[in-house]
Protein backbone atom coordinates (compact mmCIF):
# COMPACT_ATOMS: atom_id res chain seq x y z
CA UNK A 1 318.55 -41.86 -69.82
CA UNK A 2 319.58 -44.35 -72.52
CA UNK A 3 323.22 -44.35 -71.40
CA UNK A 4 322.26 -46.07 -68.15
CA UNK A 5 322.21 -49.89 -68.13
CA UNK A 6 320.91 -52.53 -65.75
CA UNK A 7 322.85 -54.71 -63.37
CA UNK A 8 321.77 -57.93 -65.07
CA UNK A 9 323.48 -56.79 -68.29
CA UNK A 10 326.90 -56.09 -66.77
CA UNK A 11 328.40 -59.49 -67.64
CA UNK A 12 328.45 -58.32 -71.24
CA UNK A 13 330.22 -55.07 -70.34
CA UNK A 14 333.43 -56.31 -68.69
CA UNK A 15 336.24 -53.84 -69.43
CA UNK A 16 333.83 -51.02 -70.24
CA UNK A 17 332.89 -47.89 -68.32
CA UNK A 18 329.16 -47.75 -67.64
CA UNK A 19 326.56 -45.86 -65.63
CA UNK A 20 323.64 -47.32 -63.72
CA UNK A 21 321.06 -46.33 -61.15
CA UNK A 22 319.92 -48.16 -58.04
CA UNK A 23 319.33 -48.16 -54.31
CA UNK A 24 321.94 -48.68 -51.62
CA UNK A 25 321.69 -52.00 -49.79
CA UNK A 26 324.86 -51.60 -47.72
CA UNK A 27 327.76 -49.17 -47.57
CA UNK A 28 330.93 -49.54 -45.53
CA UNK A 29 334.41 -48.05 -45.63
CA UNK A 30 337.73 -49.26 -44.27
CA UNK A 31 340.58 -46.81 -44.40
CA UNK A 32 340.95 -45.77 -48.00
CA UNK A 33 338.60 -48.38 -49.52
CA UNK A 34 334.79 -48.38 -49.47
CA UNK A 35 332.30 -51.00 -50.58
CA UNK A 36 328.78 -50.16 -51.70
CA UNK A 37 326.21 -52.79 -52.66
CA UNK A 38 323.45 -51.58 -54.96
CA UNK A 39 320.26 -53.19 -56.26
CA UNK A 40 318.13 -52.12 -59.20
CA UNK A 41 315.44 -54.80 -59.42
CA UNK A 42 317.44 -56.93 -61.86
CA UNK A 43 320.25 -57.89 -59.49
CA UNK A 44 322.77 -56.76 -56.89
CA UNK A 45 326.16 -55.18 -57.59
CA UNK A 46 329.17 -54.52 -55.41
CA UNK A 47 330.89 -51.19 -56.12
CA UNK A 48 334.47 -50.72 -54.90
CA UNK A 49 335.68 -47.18 -54.25
CA UNK A 50 339.32 -46.25 -53.79
CA UNK A 51 339.87 -42.92 -52.07
CA UNK A 52 343.00 -42.31 -54.13
CA UNK A 53 341.12 -42.73 -57.42
CA UNK A 54 338.15 -40.43 -56.81
CA UNK A 55 337.76 -36.80 -55.90
CA UNK A 56 337.20 -35.66 -52.33
CA UNK A 57 333.54 -34.88 -53.02
CA UNK A 58 332.85 -38.40 -54.30
CA UNK A 59 334.63 -39.97 -51.33
CA UNK A 60 332.65 -37.90 -48.85
CA UNK A 61 329.40 -38.72 -50.66
CA UNK A 62 330.21 -42.44 -50.48
CA UNK A 63 330.91 -42.20 -46.75
CA UNK A 64 327.55 -40.47 -46.23
CA UNK A 65 325.48 -43.10 -48.04
CA UNK A 66 322.61 -44.63 -46.08
CA UNK A 67 320.35 -47.64 -46.58
CA UNK A 68 317.92 -47.15 -49.52
CA UNK A 69 319.45 -43.91 -50.80
CA UNK A 70 318.95 -43.83 -54.56
CA UNK A 71 322.05 -43.09 -56.63
CA UNK A 72 323.57 -42.97 -60.07
CA UNK A 73 327.06 -44.44 -60.31
CA UNK A 74 329.68 -44.65 -63.04
CA UNK A 75 332.73 -46.88 -63.21
CA UNK A 76 334.57 -49.70 -64.89
CA UNK A 77 333.12 -53.20 -64.99
CA UNK A 78 335.51 -55.99 -63.98
CA UNK A 79 335.21 -59.68 -63.32
CA UNK A 80 335.07 -60.90 -59.74
CA UNK A 81 333.88 -64.45 -59.09
CA UNK A 82 333.10 -63.64 -55.45
CA UNK A 83 330.69 -60.84 -56.28
CA UNK A 84 326.96 -61.18 -57.12
CA UNK A 85 326.64 -61.82 -60.84
CA UNK A 86 330.36 -62.46 -61.19
CA UNK A 87 331.28 -58.78 -61.72
CA UNK A 88 331.91 -55.66 -59.67
CA UNK A 89 332.17 -51.97 -60.46
CA UNK A 90 335.22 -49.82 -59.86
CA UNK A 91 333.22 -46.72 -58.93
CA UNK A 92 334.60 -43.37 -60.13
CA UNK A 93 331.53 -41.12 -60.07
CA UNK A 94 328.53 -40.92 -57.74
CA UNK A 95 325.40 -38.79 -57.81
CA UNK A 96 322.87 -38.97 -54.99
CA UNK A 97 319.39 -38.89 -56.51
CA UNK A 98 317.25 -39.37 -53.42
CA UNK A 99 318.30 -39.36 -49.79
CA UNK A 100 317.02 -41.96 -47.35
CA UNK A 101 317.06 -40.87 -43.73
CA UNK A 102 316.28 -43.30 -40.90
CA UNK A 103 314.83 -46.08 -43.05
CA UNK A 104 312.39 -47.76 -40.63
CA UNK A 105 313.16 -51.39 -41.50
CA UNK A 106 316.53 -52.26 -40.01
CA UNK A 107 318.49 -55.52 -39.71
CA UNK A 108 317.06 -56.02 -36.22
CA UNK A 109 314.05 -58.29 -35.69
CA UNK A 110 310.68 -56.69 -36.46
CA UNK A 111 307.20 -57.99 -35.67
CA UNK A 112 304.99 -59.27 -38.47
CA UNK A 113 302.51 -56.48 -37.77
CA UNK A 114 305.23 -53.84 -38.11
CA UNK A 115 306.44 -55.29 -41.40
CA UNK A 116 302.95 -55.31 -42.91
CA UNK A 117 302.31 -51.76 -41.71
CA UNK A 118 305.43 -50.89 -43.71
CA UNK A 119 304.65 -53.25 -46.58
CA UNK A 120 305.40 -50.52 -49.13
CA UNK A 121 308.99 -50.52 -47.85
CA UNK A 122 309.31 -54.19 -46.87
CA UNK A 123 308.85 -55.10 -50.53
CA UNK A 124 312.42 -53.86 -51.06
CA UNK A 125 313.90 -56.71 -49.02
CA UNK A 126 315.70 -59.57 -50.72
CA UNK A 127 313.17 -62.16 -49.58
CA UNK A 128 310.15 -60.16 -50.73
CA UNK A 129 311.80 -59.38 -54.05
CA UNK A 130 312.36 -63.11 -54.60
CA UNK A 131 308.73 -63.95 -53.80
CA UNK A 132 307.45 -61.26 -56.18
CA UNK A 133 309.65 -62.59 -58.98
CA UNK A 134 308.39 -66.13 -58.47
CA UNK A 135 304.85 -64.76 -58.52
CA UNK A 136 305.64 -62.96 -61.77
CA UNK A 137 306.85 -66.25 -63.25
CA UNK A 138 303.73 -68.06 -62.08
CA UNK A 139 301.50 -65.41 -63.67
CA UNK A 140 303.43 -65.41 -66.94
CA UNK A 141 303.45 -69.22 -67.10
CA UNK A 142 299.67 -69.24 -66.58
CA UNK A 143 299.18 -66.93 -69.54
CA UNK A 144 301.63 -68.89 -71.68
CA UNK A 145 300.04 -72.25 -70.86
CA UNK A 146 296.61 -71.18 -72.04
CA UNK A 147 297.90 -69.18 -75.00
CA UNK A 148 299.90 -72.16 -76.27
CA UNK A 149 296.75 -74.31 -76.08
CA UNK A 150 294.51 -71.88 -77.98
CA UNK A 151 292.41 -70.76 -75.02
CA UNK A 152 290.83 -67.34 -75.42
CA UNK A 153 291.08 -64.83 -72.56
CA UNK A 154 287.69 -63.41 -71.58
CA UNK A 155 287.50 -60.55 -69.11
CA UNK A 156 284.55 -61.16 -66.82
CA UNK A 157 282.88 -58.45 -64.67
CA UNK A 158 283.99 -57.62 -61.17
CA UNK A 159 280.58 -56.13 -60.39
CA UNK A 160 277.76 -58.62 -60.67
CA UNK A 161 274.20 -59.33 -59.56
CA UNK A 162 274.69 -63.11 -59.54
CA UNK A 163 276.75 -64.99 -56.99
CA UNK A 164 278.78 -68.09 -57.66
CA UNK A 165 279.69 -69.24 -54.16
CA UNK A 166 278.30 -68.73 -50.65
CA UNK A 167 276.09 -65.68 -50.13
CA UNK A 168 277.70 -65.06 -46.74
CA UNK A 169 281.08 -64.28 -48.30
CA UNK A 170 280.00 -61.37 -50.52
CA UNK A 171 281.18 -57.78 -50.55
CA UNK A 172 278.16 -55.73 -51.56
CA UNK A 173 277.56 -52.19 -52.72
CA UNK A 174 274.67 -50.08 -53.99
CA UNK A 175 274.60 -49.99 -57.78
CA UNK A 176 272.92 -46.76 -58.94
CA UNK A 177 269.12 -47.34 -59.03
CA UNK A 178 269.37 -51.06 -59.70
CA UNK A 179 269.78 -52.30 -56.15
CA UNK A 180 272.72 -54.25 -54.78
CA UNK A 181 275.77 -55.36 -56.70
CA UNK A 182 278.51 -57.67 -55.48
CA UNK A 183 282.24 -57.88 -55.96
CA UNK A 184 282.85 -61.03 -57.98
CA UNK A 185 283.64 -64.26 -56.16
CA UNK A 186 284.24 -65.94 -59.51
CA UNK A 187 284.04 -65.29 -63.22
CA UNK A 188 282.87 -68.83 -63.90
CA UNK A 189 279.20 -68.21 -64.70
CA UNK A 190 280.13 -65.69 -67.38
CA UNK A 191 282.83 -68.01 -68.73
CA UNK A 192 280.22 -70.69 -69.29
CA UNK A 193 278.45 -68.30 -71.65
CA UNK A 194 281.74 -67.52 -73.40
CA UNK A 195 282.60 -71.23 -73.73
CA UNK A 196 279.44 -71.69 -75.81
CA UNK A 197 280.94 -69.20 -78.25
CA UNK A 198 284.69 -69.82 -78.12
CA UNK A 199 284.99 -73.38 -76.84
CA UNK A 200 288.08 -72.99 -74.62
CA UNK A 201 288.23 -69.85 -72.50
CA UNK A 202 289.69 -68.49 -69.29
CA UNK A 203 289.57 -65.41 -67.11
CA UNK A 204 292.32 -64.16 -64.87
CA UNK A 205 292.00 -61.39 -62.33
CA UNK A 206 291.17 -60.31 -58.78
CA UNK A 207 288.52 -62.16 -56.81
CA UNK A 208 286.81 -61.14 -53.58
CA UNK A 209 285.62 -63.23 -50.62
CA UNK A 210 284.28 -61.63 -47.45
CA UNK A 211 285.20 -64.60 -45.27
CA UNK A 212 285.92 -63.64 -41.69
CA UNK A 213 288.96 -65.85 -41.67
CA UNK A 214 292.44 -65.22 -40.33
CA UNK A 215 294.02 -68.48 -41.47
CA UNK A 216 297.27 -68.60 -43.40
CA UNK A 217 295.40 -69.68 -46.54
CA UNK A 218 292.89 -66.82 -46.83
CA UNK A 219 292.81 -63.30 -48.24
CA UNK A 220 289.84 -61.01 -48.83
CA UNK A 221 291.20 -60.11 -52.27
CA UNK A 222 293.21 -62.60 -54.29
CA UNK A 223 293.93 -63.51 -57.89
CA UNK A 224 292.36 -66.50 -59.55
CA UNK A 225 292.66 -68.09 -62.97
CA UNK A 226 289.55 -69.89 -64.20
CA UNK A 227 289.42 -71.91 -67.42
CA UNK A 228 286.15 -73.28 -68.82
CA UNK A 229 286.08 -75.86 -71.60
CA UNK A 230 283.20 -77.01 -73.80
CA UNK A 231 282.81 -80.79 -74.15
CA UNK A 232 285.12 -81.56 -71.21
CA UNK A 233 283.78 -83.92 -68.57
CA UNK A 234 285.14 -84.26 -65.03
CA UNK A 235 287.96 -86.62 -66.05
CA UNK A 236 289.07 -84.30 -68.85
CA UNK A 237 288.98 -81.46 -66.35
CA UNK A 238 291.35 -83.20 -63.93
CA UNK A 239 293.76 -84.06 -66.75
CA UNK A 240 293.88 -80.39 -67.72
CA UNK A 241 294.52 -79.42 -64.10
CA UNK A 242 297.47 -81.78 -63.63
CA UNK A 243 299.03 -80.65 -66.91
CA UNK A 244 298.54 -77.04 -65.88
CA UNK A 245 299.95 -77.32 -62.34
CA UNK A 246 302.93 -79.31 -63.59
CA UNK A 247 303.67 -76.73 -66.27
CA UNK A 248 303.65 -73.86 -63.77
CA UNK A 249 305.83 -75.67 -61.21
CA UNK A 250 308.40 -76.91 -63.73
CA UNK A 251 308.61 -73.45 -65.29
CA UNK A 252 309.50 -71.92 -61.91
CA UNK A 253 312.07 -74.62 -61.25
CA UNK A 254 313.66 -73.88 -64.60
CA UNK A 255 313.61 -70.07 -64.57
CA UNK A 256 313.58 -69.01 -60.92
CA UNK A 257 316.40 -71.06 -59.40
CA UNK A 258 318.11 -67.98 -57.96
CA UNK A 259 314.97 -66.74 -56.23
CA UNK A 260 314.14 -70.17 -54.83
CA UNK A 261 317.69 -70.38 -53.46
CA UNK A 262 317.23 -67.00 -51.76
CA UNK A 263 314.06 -68.40 -50.17
CA UNK A 264 315.96 -71.57 -49.16
CA UNK A 265 313.25 -73.63 -50.84
CA UNK A 266 313.86 -77.38 -50.90
CA UNK A 267 313.17 -77.75 -54.62
CA UNK A 268 313.51 -81.53 -54.46
CA UNK A 269 309.94 -81.47 -53.08
CA UNK A 270 308.73 -79.86 -56.32
CA UNK A 271 310.62 -82.01 -58.84
CA UNK A 272 308.09 -84.92 -58.73
CA UNK A 273 305.20 -82.63 -59.72
CA UNK A 274 304.41 -84.18 -63.10
CA UNK A 275 301.31 -85.94 -64.47
CA UNK A 276 299.54 -88.08 -63.54
CA UNK A 277 298.42 -87.04 -60.07
CA UNK A 278 296.87 -89.67 -57.78
CA UNK A 279 293.08 -89.59 -57.47
CA UNK A 280 290.93 -90.65 -54.54
CA UNK A 281 287.17 -90.35 -54.28
CA UNK A 282 285.77 -88.32 -51.42
CA UNK A 283 284.06 -91.44 -50.03
CA UNK A 284 287.32 -93.44 -50.05
CA UNK A 285 289.23 -90.51 -48.59
CA UNK A 286 286.79 -90.24 -45.68
CA UNK A 287 287.10 -93.97 -44.98
CA UNK A 288 290.89 -93.82 -44.98
CA UNK A 289 290.96 -90.69 -42.83
CA UNK A 290 288.70 -92.41 -40.31
CA UNK A 291 290.99 -95.47 -40.35
CA UNK A 292 293.91 -93.13 -39.59
CA UNK A 293 292.12 -91.65 -36.59
CA UNK A 294 290.41 -88.56 -38.01
CA UNK A 295 286.92 -87.83 -36.68
CA UNK A 296 285.47 -86.44 -39.90
CA UNK A 297 282.06 -87.75 -40.98
CA UNK A 298 280.84 -88.44 -44.50
CA UNK A 299 279.04 -85.37 -45.82
CA UNK A 300 281.38 -82.80 -44.29
CA UNK A 301 283.84 -80.79 -46.38
CA UNK A 302 287.49 -81.52 -45.73
CA UNK A 303 289.09 -79.14 -43.24
CA UNK A 304 292.66 -77.86 -43.44
CA UNK A 305 294.03 -80.66 -41.26
CA UNK A 306 292.16 -83.27 -43.29
CA UNK A 307 293.57 -81.85 -46.54
CA UNK A 308 297.07 -81.87 -45.08
CA UNK A 309 296.66 -85.53 -44.11
CA UNK A 310 295.38 -86.54 -47.55
CA UNK A 311 298.30 -84.76 -49.22
CA UNK A 312 300.78 -86.92 -47.28
CA UNK A 313 299.58 -89.91 -49.25
CA UNK A 314 301.73 -88.83 -52.21
CA UNK A 315 304.73 -86.67 -53.10
CA UNK A 316 302.57 -85.09 -55.81
CA UNK A 317 299.37 -83.09 -55.53
CA UNK A 318 296.34 -85.31 -54.87
CA UNK A 319 292.87 -85.12 -56.44
CA UNK A 320 289.90 -85.71 -54.18
CA UNK A 321 286.83 -86.05 -56.39
CA UNK A 322 283.05 -86.42 -56.19
CA UNK A 323 282.21 -84.48 -53.04
CA UNK A 324 278.76 -84.53 -51.39
CA UNK A 325 276.23 -82.24 -53.03
CA UNK A 326 275.63 -80.29 -49.80
CA UNK A 327 279.33 -79.42 -49.48
CA UNK A 328 279.61 -77.84 -52.93
CA UNK A 329 278.12 -75.09 -55.08
CA UNK A 330 274.72 -75.29 -56.78
CA UNK A 331 276.09 -75.35 -60.34
CA UNK A 332 278.00 -78.65 -60.05
CA UNK A 333 276.61 -81.61 -61.97
CA UNK A 334 275.00 -84.40 -60.03
CA UNK A 335 276.94 -87.66 -60.14
CA UNK A 336 274.76 -90.19 -62.05
CA UNK A 337 276.44 -93.08 -60.19
CA UNK A 338 275.76 -91.60 -56.74
CA UNK A 339 273.16 -88.78 -56.58
CA UNK A 340 274.41 -87.84 -53.12
CA UNK A 341 277.56 -86.46 -54.77
CA UNK A 342 278.53 -84.09 -57.56
CA UNK A 343 281.18 -84.39 -60.28
CA UNK A 344 283.69 -82.14 -58.58
CA UNK A 345 287.30 -82.21 -57.49
CA UNK A 346 289.80 -80.42 -55.30
CA UNK A 347 293.52 -80.52 -56.07
CA UNK A 348 295.49 -80.64 -52.81
CA UNK A 349 299.14 -79.55 -52.74
CA UNK A 350 301.68 -81.39 -50.57
CA UNK A 351 303.52 -80.04 -47.52
CA UNK A 352 300.40 -78.72 -45.81
CA UNK A 353 299.44 -76.17 -48.47
CA UNK A 354 296.03 -77.75 -49.07
CA UNK A 355 293.57 -76.90 -51.81
CA UNK A 356 295.07 -74.98 -54.72
CA UNK A 357 292.32 -75.82 -57.24
CA UNK A 358 288.60 -76.42 -57.05
CA UNK A 359 286.84 -77.66 -60.15
CA UNK A 360 283.77 -79.45 -61.44
CA UNK A 361 281.68 -80.55 -64.36
CA UNK A 362 278.81 -78.08 -64.60
CA UNK A 363 275.14 -79.00 -64.45
CA UNK A 364 273.92 -78.83 -68.06
CA UNK A 365 270.28 -79.85 -67.45
CA UNK A 366 268.00 -76.80 -67.23
CA UNK A 367 265.41 -78.25 -64.88
CA UNK A 368 267.92 -79.76 -62.46
CA UNK A 369 269.87 -76.50 -62.34
CA UNK A 370 266.69 -74.52 -61.70
CA UNK A 371 265.80 -76.85 -58.84
CA UNK A 372 269.24 -76.38 -57.32
CA UNK A 373 268.90 -72.59 -57.52
CA UNK A 374 265.58 -72.87 -55.70
CA UNK A 375 267.01 -75.23 -53.09
CA UNK A 376 269.67 -72.63 -52.31
CA UNK A 377 267.03 -69.86 -52.14
CA UNK A 378 268.87 -67.85 -54.76
CA UNK A 379 267.04 -65.09 -56.68
CA UNK A 380 265.88 -66.70 -59.92
CA UNK A 381 265.77 -63.43 -61.83
CA UNK A 382 269.51 -62.97 -61.27
CA UNK A 383 270.16 -66.28 -63.01
CA UNK A 384 267.73 -66.13 -65.91
CA UNK A 385 270.56 -65.54 -68.37
CA UNK A 386 272.57 -68.40 -66.82
CA UNK A 387 269.62 -70.76 -67.25
CA UNK A 388 269.35 -69.65 -70.89
CA UNK A 389 272.63 -71.46 -71.55
CA UNK A 390 270.78 -74.73 -70.81
CA UNK A 391 267.82 -73.78 -73.04
CA UNK A 392 269.68 -72.91 -76.22
CA UNK A 393 272.07 -75.68 -77.17
CA UNK A 394 273.13 -77.06 -73.79
CA UNK A 395 276.43 -78.91 -73.72
CA UNK A 396 278.76 -80.83 -71.42
CA UNK A 397 281.37 -78.48 -69.99
CA UNK A 398 283.78 -78.24 -67.08
CA UNK A 399 286.17 -75.83 -65.47
CA UNK A 400 288.14 -74.94 -62.38
CA UNK A 401 289.65 -72.08 -60.41
CA UNK A 402 293.24 -71.89 -59.17
CA UNK A 403 294.26 -69.38 -56.50
CA UNK A 404 297.52 -67.72 -57.49
CA UNK A 405 298.61 -66.80 -53.96
CA UNK A 406 298.27 -70.36 -52.66
CA UNK A 407 300.30 -71.72 -55.56
CA UNK A 408 303.01 -69.09 -55.09
CA UNK A 409 303.16 -69.86 -51.36
CA UNK A 410 303.57 -73.57 -52.12
CA UNK A 411 306.25 -73.08 -54.77
CA UNK A 412 308.16 -70.61 -52.60
CA UNK A 413 307.72 -72.65 -49.44
CA UNK A 414 306.43 -69.66 -47.46
CA UNK A 415 303.94 -70.36 -44.68
CA UNK A 416 301.34 -67.64 -45.29
CA UNK A 417 299.66 -66.34 -48.45
CA UNK A 418 299.89 -62.75 -47.21
CA UNK A 419 303.53 -62.60 -48.37
CA UNK A 420 302.68 -63.72 -51.90
CA UNK A 421 300.80 -60.60 -53.02
CA UNK A 422 302.29 -57.12 -52.97
CA UNK A 423 299.58 -55.51 -50.82
CA UNK A 424 297.49 -58.15 -49.02
CA UNK A 425 293.91 -57.45 -48.05
CA UNK A 426 292.78 -59.32 -44.95
CA UNK A 427 289.89 -59.13 -42.53
CA UNK A 428 291.93 -56.83 -40.27
CA UNK A 429 294.07 -55.06 -42.87
CA UNK A 430 293.31 -52.67 -45.74
CA UNK A 431 296.40 -50.40 -45.53
CA UNK A 432 298.80 -49.55 -47.05
């Protein structure tokens, strides 16, 4: 298999005869010339076939090619500025590896439902390939950002007895003879324990929320990156977030230009994403929203339309900080300057994409945290270990969670998060 190369490497093989494998995107013939476009995951390649230069069996095989047939081809590489990648292949040999008969996704218009029922095949399309490559870049840039800053990756459990968010959004299962277990909503609680050992930590993996929501921003299973940092207060936390988001966005602009062009993304909207991001307190945001005609009352969490409105106040993401205590999770630290609020923040992306990060300084006082657990009617025995962190060397610490799919949707400019993960899980969809 080592004699077969990839399409992306062909620029270095001009004048040479090579072999490669791929899938047929299009095939057409005109008289004694045929054109076959192949893809192999690294790029697209036009193959030109002259009937007079190949045997009858090769010519007939070329004429019989159908969409998504897998093939091995051999030929000479030559420059062609009009072709994808600047080269084309003068095809001389063709072997059909896997036939494709009546591929169900055709150039005609298909419904969204049909495309997601055939998600395993829709992934082969040019648009979906571009989105997956941007996602890959986002994921790699996340890992690189934290590695370069000496964060330690900690793998937190996906099965847990303790909840981190709302009890009504849990997937639960029986766990042997120990009662109920839940699919993790967050790895944060465990990261707080790890931060007391390693200082700067993060987890990165799938997260589960049983929200009965069909909005364009929600999935039942999504990927989240969650850093936790010892000695960081809320301001430090927001500075880390703006550095992080800027790093990810600029990395995609630098390395995924081709994919963003395929998606017809207006990248000028992403260029300004650099620190610092504007900050507005929740209280000030509510006042301004009311002045602009919104009916939201102080004490309520911002809805999607409110977030979209706030994000129009800048061409960068916007921080809204210090939300009301009742609107946020039990573990967030009470604001000493206004006990009605907690030291929290949401980072809102422009262009209607809304919250991409939620973060906070964590409550480090044992007694206050215990009272909050009781106020929320949470089972104290499930949090005894979490309370221990406040008994044995408590410390100021902060962290946040960023949803990968929302960030990919924003960077790609696609309207719905369901396209930003290979196999989306939604309230009404668990196949394929």
